[in-house]
C-alpha cells in the first residue's frame, strides 16, 4: 500500500481524520481507466479500510473488479473468475449511479470476461490475453470538481 500520512489523534482531536474520499476514489478511477488495476485497487483500499457505511461493500466490489482484471493481465485466470463473481454479487446491491460513477460497462465486461476466463481454464488455454481496447472504463456522472462521497459520513 502507498505511504499515506493520516492525521494522528491529539487531545483536541481524538479521532484521526479519514482520507480524502474524492481524491482517492478519483485516483482509483483514473488508474482503472488506464488499466493500472493494482494501483486502482490500492487507491480504493485506502478508503475501504476507513469506511463505516455501505461504502465498504461498494468499494470492495470495485476493488474486486480491479483485482480480477489484474489477474487477467497476469494470466492467473482462476483467481479472476472468483473475483469477477464476488464483485458482481457485491455491486448488484447498489444503484447503477451509486457514488456518481457509471459502472455499467465495467459490470458488462466483467460478466463477459468471467465467461471468457472460465472457458480458457476449461480448455487449458492460459496463454490468451485481452486486447488493449478490451478492458472496461468507469465514467464519472459529475464533473470531477463536484464529486462527493456517497454519504456525508461514509
Protein backbone atom coordinates (compact mmCIF):
# COMPACT_ATOMS: atom_id res chain seq x y z
CA UNK A 1 0.00 0.00 0.00
CA UNK A 2 1.18 3.56 -0.63
CA UNK A 3 2.56 5.50 2.29
CA UNK A 4 -0.14 7.95 3.29
CA UNK A 5 0.18 10.30 6.23
CA UNK A 6 -3.12 10.48 8.08
CA UNK A 7 -3.58 12.99 10.89
CA UNK A 8 -2.85 11.41 14.24
CA UNK A 9 -5.19 11.74 17.24
CA UNK A 10 -4.47 14.61 19.59
CA UNK A 11 -6.10 15.71 22.86
CA UNK A 12 -8.08 18.30 20.84
CA UNK A 13 -8.90 15.89 18.03
CA UNK A 14 -9.30 12.37 19.49
CA UNK A 15 -10.42 10.84 16.17
CA UNK A 16 -7.96 10.83 13.27
CA UNK A 17 -9.44 12.24 10.08
CA UNK A 18 -10.42 9.91 7.28
CA UNK A 19 -8.54 10.11 3.99
CA UNK A 20 -9.94 12.42 1.32
CA UNK A 21 -12.65 10.32 -0.33
CA UNK A 22 -12.77 12.25 -3.61
CA UNK A 23 -9.00 12.24 -4.04
CA UNK A 24 -8.55 8.51 -3.52
CA UNK A 25 -11.73 7.48 -5.32
CA UNK A 26 -10.90 9.57 -8.41
CA UNK A 27 -7.30 8.30 -8.37
CA UNK A 28 -8.73 4.79 -8.41
CA UNK A 29 -10.99 5.61 -11.36
CA UNK A 30 -8.05 7.13 -13.25
CA UNK A 31 -5.87 4.08 -12.58
CA UNK A 32 -8.68 1.71 -13.54
CA UNK A 33 -9.30 3.52 -16.82
CA UNK A 34 -5.55 3.44 -17.58
CA UNK A 35 -5.57 -0.37 -17.00
CA UNK A 36 -3.42 0.12 -13.88
CA UNK A 37 -5.58 -2.26 -11.91
CA UNK A 38 -3.23 -2.86 -8.98
CA UNK A 39 -2.95 0.89 -8.39
CA UNK A 40 -6.75 1.30 -8.64
CA UNK A 41 -7.10 -1.43 -6.04
CA UNK A 42 -4.64 0.36 -3.75
CA UNK A 43 -6.39 3.76 -4.08
CA UNK A 44 -9.80 2.29 -3.28
CA UNK A 45 -8.42 0.12 -0.48
CA UNK A 46 -7.24 3.28 1.31
CA UNK A 47 -10.92 4.29 1.52
CA UNK A 48 -12.28 0.81 2.15
CA UNK A 49 -10.13 0.39 5.24
CA UNK A 50 -11.66 3.56 6.76
CA UNK A 51 -15.26 3.29 5.54
CA UNK A 52 -18.08 2.81 8.06
CA UNK A 53 -21.15 2.62 5.82
CA UNK A 54 -22.45 0.70 2.82
CA UNK A 55 -19.48 2.26 1.03
CA UNK A 56 -17.49 -0.68 2.45
CA UNK A 57 -19.32 -3.17 0.22
CA UNK A 58 -19.32 -0.84 -2.80
CA UNK A 59 -15.60 -0.17 -2.56
CA UNK A 60 -14.88 -3.85 -2.05
CA UNK A 61 -16.81 -4.62 -5.24
CA UNK A 62 -14.73 -2.13 -7.21
CA UNK A 63 -11.54 -3.46 -5.62
CA UNK A 64 -12.52 -6.98 -6.64
CA UNK A 65 -13.15 -5.98 -10.27
CA UNK A 66 -9.76 -4.25 -10.36
CA UNK A 67 -8.13 -7.32 -8.82
CA UNK A 68 -9.89 -9.60 -11.32
CA UNK A 69 -8.52 -7.58 -14.23
CA UNK A 70 -5.08 -7.58 -12.60
CA UNK A 71 -5.29 -11.40 -12.63
CA UNK A 72 -6.43 -11.35 -16.27
CA UNK A 73 -3.40 -9.24 -17.20
CA UNK A 74 -1.11 -11.71 -15.41
CA UNK A 75 -2.85 -14.78 -16.86
CA UNK A 76 -3.94 -16.11 -13.46
CA UNK A 77 -7.48 -16.78 -14.64
CA UNK A 78 -8.67 -18.97 -11.78
CA UNK A 79 -8.37 -16.03 -9.39
CA UNK A 80 -10.06 -13.76 -11.92
CA UNK A 81 -13.17 -15.95 -12.17
CA UNK A 82 -13.70 -15.94 -8.39
CA UNK A 83 -13.12 -12.20 -8.14
CA UNK A 84 -15.50 -11.39 -11.01
CA UNK A 85 -18.20 -13.45 -9.27
CA UNK A 86 -17.66 -11.78 -5.90
CA UNK A 87 -17.51 -8.27 -7.37
CA UNK A 88 -20.69 -8.62 -9.41
CA UNK A 89 -22.53 -10.07 -6.42
CA UNK A 90 -21.46 -7.14 -4.19
CA UNK A 91 -22.15 -4.40 -6.72
CA UNK A 92 -25.60 -5.74 -7.64
CA UNK A 93 -26.94 -4.32 -4.36
CA UNK A 94 -26.17 -0.73 -5.42
CA UNK A 95 -27.99 1.61 -7.81
CA UNK A 96 -26.30 1.98 -11.20
CA UNK A 97 -25.25 5.56 -10.38
CA UNK A 98 -24.07 4.97 -6.80
CA UNK A 99 -21.19 7.27 -5.91
CA UNK A 100 -21.71 9.25 -9.13
CA UNK A 101 -19.93 6.69 -11.26
CA UNK A 102 -21.40 4.78 -14.19
CA UNK A 103 -20.10 1.25 -13.80
CA UNK A 104 -22.41 -0.37 -16.39
CA UNK A 105 -19.57 -1.04 -18.83
CA UNK A 106 -17.34 -2.46 -16.10
CA UNK A 107 -20.09 -4.83 -14.98
CA UNK A 108 -20.99 -5.83 -18.56
CA UNK A 109 -17.33 -6.51 -19.42
CA UNK A 110 -16.86 -8.35 -16.12
CA UNK A 111 -19.72 -10.73 -16.93
CA UNK A 112 -18.29 -11.28 -20.43
CA UNK A 113 -14.72 -11.71 -19.20
CA UNK A 114 -15.77 -14.04 -16.39
CA UNK A 115 -17.20 -16.39 -19.04
CA UNK A 116 -14.12 -15.95 -21.24
CA UNK A 117 -11.66 -16.72 -18.42
CA UNK A 118 -13.71 -19.73 -17.28
CA UNK A 119 -13.70 -21.07 -20.87
CA UNK A 120 -9.93 -20.60 -21.12
CA UNK A 121 -9.48 -22.54 -17.90
CA UNK A 122 -11.75 -25.31 -19.13
CA UNK A 123 -9.79 -25.61 -22.40
CA UNK A 124 -6.45 -25.09 -20.61
CA UNK A 125 -5.61 -22.23 -22.99
CA UNK A 126 -3.87 -20.00 -20.50
CA UNK A 127 -1.75 -18.04 -22.97
CA UNK A 128 -4.55 -15.79 -24.31
CA UNK A 129 -4.85 -12.16 -23.18
CA UNK A 130 -7.33 -9.36 -23.68
CA UNK A 131 -6.50 -6.72 -26.24
CA UNK A 132 -5.70 -3.18 -25.16
CA UNK A 133 -9.22 -1.98 -26.04
CA UNK A 134 -10.98 -4.95 -24.42
CA UNK A 135 -10.86 -3.56 -20.89
CA UNK A 136 -13.77 -1.61 -19.36
CA UNK A 137 -13.87 2.03 -18.29
CA UNK A 138 -15.65 3.74 -15.44
CA UNK A 139 -17.38 7.01 -16.29
CA UNK A 140 -17.99 9.81 -13.81
CA UNK A 141 -21.52 11.21 -13.84
CA UNK A 142 -20.48 14.59 -12.38
CA UNK A 143 -17.60 16.95 -13.02
CA UNK A 144 -14.50 16.00 -11.01
CA UNK A 145 -14.68 19.25 -9.04
CA UNK A 146 -18.27 18.38 -7.98
CA UNK A 147 -17.51 14.81 -6.95
CA UNK A 148 -18.56 13.97 -3.37
CA UNK A 149 -18.55 10.83 -1.21
CA UNK A 150 -21.72 8.71 -1.39
CA UNK A 151 -22.76 9.94 2.09
CA UNK A 152 -21.66 12.69 4.43
CA UNK A 153 -20.41 10.00 6.79
CA UNK A 154 -19.01 7.23 4.67
